[in-house]
């Protein structure tokens, strides 16, 4: 009864391979949980931000009026002559 050279080789590496697979599985679960936590946080953030005043864009307050200010133009020479600059 003979055996091939290096026949025990897979048996020696088997615990290391199992440890490697367990580490990968742990990392996968960690990142999956991290992703789920981040999604929950952003959903909570959107709910809180939506509850703050002024954050809604769909329902504008009817009492509010949009005002656009334009710069005042300097008076022309004809209008300036009739004004008193005393």
C-alpha atoms as a PDB file:
ATOM      1  CA  UNK A   1       0.000   0.000   0.000  1.00  0.00           C
ATOM      2  CA  UNK A   2       1.537   3.207  -1.096  1.00  0.00           C
ATOM      3  CA  UNK A   3       0.539   6.806  -1.131  1.00  0.00           C
ATOM      4  CA  UNK A   4       1.345   9.688  -3.350  1.00  0.00           C
ATOM      5  CA  UNK A   5       3.809  12.325  -2.264  1.00  0.00           C
ATOM      6  CA  UNK A   6       1.935  15.218  -0.695  1.00  0.00           C
ATOM      7  CA  UNK A   7      -1.232  13.244  -0.038  1.00  0.00           C
ATOM      8  CA  UNK A   8      -1.621  14.916   3.363  1.00  0.00           C
ATOM      9  CA  UNK A   9      -1.267  18.340   1.809  1.00  0.00           C
ATOM     10  CA  UNK A  10      -5.022  19.041   1.422  1.00  0.00           C
ATOM     11  CA  UNK A  11      -5.636  17.880   4.997  1.00  0.00           C
ATOM     12  CA  UNK A  12      -3.058  20.310   6.321  1.00  0.00           C
ATOM     13  CA  UNK A  13      -4.620  23.273   4.508  1.00  0.00           C
ATOM     14  CA  UNK A  14      -8.217  22.378   5.268  1.00  0.00           C
ATOM     15  CA  UNK A  15      -8.399  24.302   8.619  1.00  0.00           C
ATOM     16  CA  UNK A  16      -6.807  27.367   7.017  1.00  0.00           C
ATOM     17  CA  UNK A  17      -9.295  27.260   4.140  1.00  0.00           C
ATOM     18  CA  UNK A  18     -12.185  26.946   6.578  1.00  0.00           C
ATOM     19  CA  UNK A  19     -10.871  29.923   8.546  1.00  0.00           C
ATOM     20  CA  UNK A  20     -10.567  31.933   5.331  1.00  0.00           C
ATOM     21  CA  UNK A  21     -14.127  31.086   4.274  1.00  0.00           C
ATOM     22  CA  UNK A  22     -15.426  31.944   7.757  1.00  0.00           C
ATOM     23  CA  UNK A  23     -13.607  35.299   7.600  1.00  0.00           C
ATOM     24  CA  UNK A  24     -15.123  36.072   4.195  1.00  0.00           C
ATOM     25  CA  UNK A  25     -18.570  35.124   5.431  1.00  0.00           C
ATOM     26  CA  UNK A  26     -18.120  37.379   8.475  1.00  0.00           C
ATOM     27  CA  UNK A  27     -17.063  40.298   6.247  1.00  0.00           C
ATOM     28  CA  UNK A  28     -20.035  39.755   3.964  1.00  0.00           C
ATOM     29  CA  UNK A  29     -22.418  39.803   6.925  1.00  0.00           C
ATOM     30  CA  UNK A  30     -20.696  42.885   8.358  1.00  0.00           C
ATOM     31  CA  UNK A  31     -21.010  44.872   5.135  1.00  0.00           C
ATOM     32  CA  UNK A  32     -24.581  43.708   4.618  1.00  0.00           C
ATOM     33  CA  UNK A  33     -25.488  44.906   8.103  1.00  0.00           C
ATOM     34  CA  UNK A  34     -23.597  48.161   7.530  1.00  0.00           C
ATOM     35  CA  UNK A  35     -25.503  48.737   4.290  1.00  0.00           C
ATOM     36  CA  UNK A  36     -28.835  48.008   5.990  1.00  0.00           C
ATOM     37  CA  UNK A  37     -27.981  50.395   8.819  1.00  0.00           C
ATOM     38  CA  UNK A  38     -27.001  53.129   6.369  1.00  0.00           C
ATOM     39  CA  UNK A  39     -30.278  52.699   4.474  1.00  0.00           C
ATOM     40  CA  UNK A  40     -32.256  52.927   7.708  1.00  0.00           C
ATOM     41  CA  UNK A  41     -30.328  56.064   8.716  1.00  0.00           C
ATOM     42  CA  UNK A  42     -30.950  57.818   5.396  1.00  0.00           C
ATOM     43  CA  UNK A  43     -34.633  56.908   5.480  1.00  0.00           C
ATOM     44  CA  UNK A  44     -34.859  58.353   8.991  1.00  0.00           C
ATOM     45  CA  UNK A  45     -32.975  61.454   7.812  1.00  0.00           C
ATOM     46  CA  UNK A  46     -35.439  61.963   4.963  1.00  0.00           C
ATOM     47  CA  UNK A  47     -38.397  61.660   7.352  1.00  0.00           C
ATOM     48  CA  UNK A  48     -36.882  64.164   9.790  1.00  0.00           C
ATOM     49  CA  UNK A  49     -35.869  66.567   7.016  1.00  0.00           C
ATOM     50  CA  UNK A  50     -39.338  66.362   5.525  1.00  0.00           C
ATOM     51  CA  UNK A  51     -40.876  67.300   8.882  1.00  0.00           C
ATOM     52  CA  UNK A  52     -38.802  70.477   9.191  1.00  0.00           C
ATOM     53  CA  UNK A  53     -40.526  73.709   8.208  1.00  0.00           C
ATOM     54  CA  UNK A  54     -39.674  75.024   4.768  1.00  0.00           C
ATOM     55  CA  UNK A  55     -38.507  71.667   3.439  1.00  0.00           C
ATOM     56  CA  UNK A  56     -41.657  70.874   1.484  1.00  0.00           C
ATOM     57  CA  UNK A  57     -41.584  72.073  -2.102  1.00  0.00           C
ATOM     58  CA  UNK A  58     -44.959  70.768  -3.224  1.00  0.00           C
ATOM     59  CA  UNK A  59     -47.270  72.551  -0.782  1.00  0.00           C
ATOM     60  CA  UNK A  60     -46.387  76.206  -0.742  1.00  0.00           C
ATOM     61  CA  UNK A  61     -47.975  78.408   1.873  1.00  0.00           C
ATOM     62  CA  UNK A  62     -50.703  80.521   0.203  1.00  0.00           C
ATOM     63  CA  UNK A  63     -49.860  83.490   2.467  1.00  0.00           C
ATOM     64  CA  UNK A  64     -46.325  83.697   1.109  1.00  0.00           C
ATOM     65  CA  UNK A  65     -45.579  85.745  -2.004  1.00  0.00           C
ATOM     66  CA  UNK A  66     -42.431  85.409  -4.109  1.00  0.00           C
ATOM     67  CA  UNK A  67     -40.774  88.818  -4.468  1.00  0.00           C
ATOM     68  CA  UNK A  68     -38.096  89.489  -7.077  1.00  0.00           C
ATOM     69  CA  UNK A  69     -35.992  92.583  -6.438  1.00  0.00           C
ATOM     70  CA  UNK A  70     -34.482  94.459  -9.353  1.00  0.00           C
ATOM     71  CA  UNK A  71     -31.668  96.962  -8.955  1.00  0.00           C
ATOM     72  CA  UNK A  72     -32.806 100.577  -9.063  1.00  0.00           C
ATOM     73  CA  UNK A  73     -31.825 102.354 -12.250  1.00  0.00           C
ATOM     74  CA  UNK A  74     -30.087 105.737 -11.865  1.00  0.00           C
ATOM     75  CA  UNK A  75     -32.312 108.675 -12.866  1.00  0.00           C
ATOM     76  CA  UNK A  76     -31.797 110.127 -16.293  1.00  0.00           C
ATOM     77  CA  UNK A  77     -30.370 113.636 -16.725  1.00  0.00           C
ATOM     78  CA  UNK A  78     -33.794 115.186 -17.386  1.00  0.00           C
ATOM     79  CA  UNK A  79     -35.342 113.779 -14.209  1.00  0.00           C
ATOM     80  CA  UNK A  80     -32.227 114.640 -12.190  1.00  0.00           C
ATOM     81  CA  UNK A  81     -32.369 118.305 -13.167  1.00  0.00           C
ATOM     82  CA  UNK A  82     -35.865 118.766 -11.751  1.00  0.00           C
ATOM     83  CA  UNK A  83     -34.977 117.333  -8.365  1.00  0.00           C
ATOM     84  CA  UNK A  84     -33.473 119.481  -5.695  1.00  0.00           C
ATOM     85  CA  UNK A  85     -30.188 118.177  -4.333  1.00  0.00           C
ATOM     86  CA  UNK A  86     -30.026 120.622  -1.425  1.00  0.00           C
END
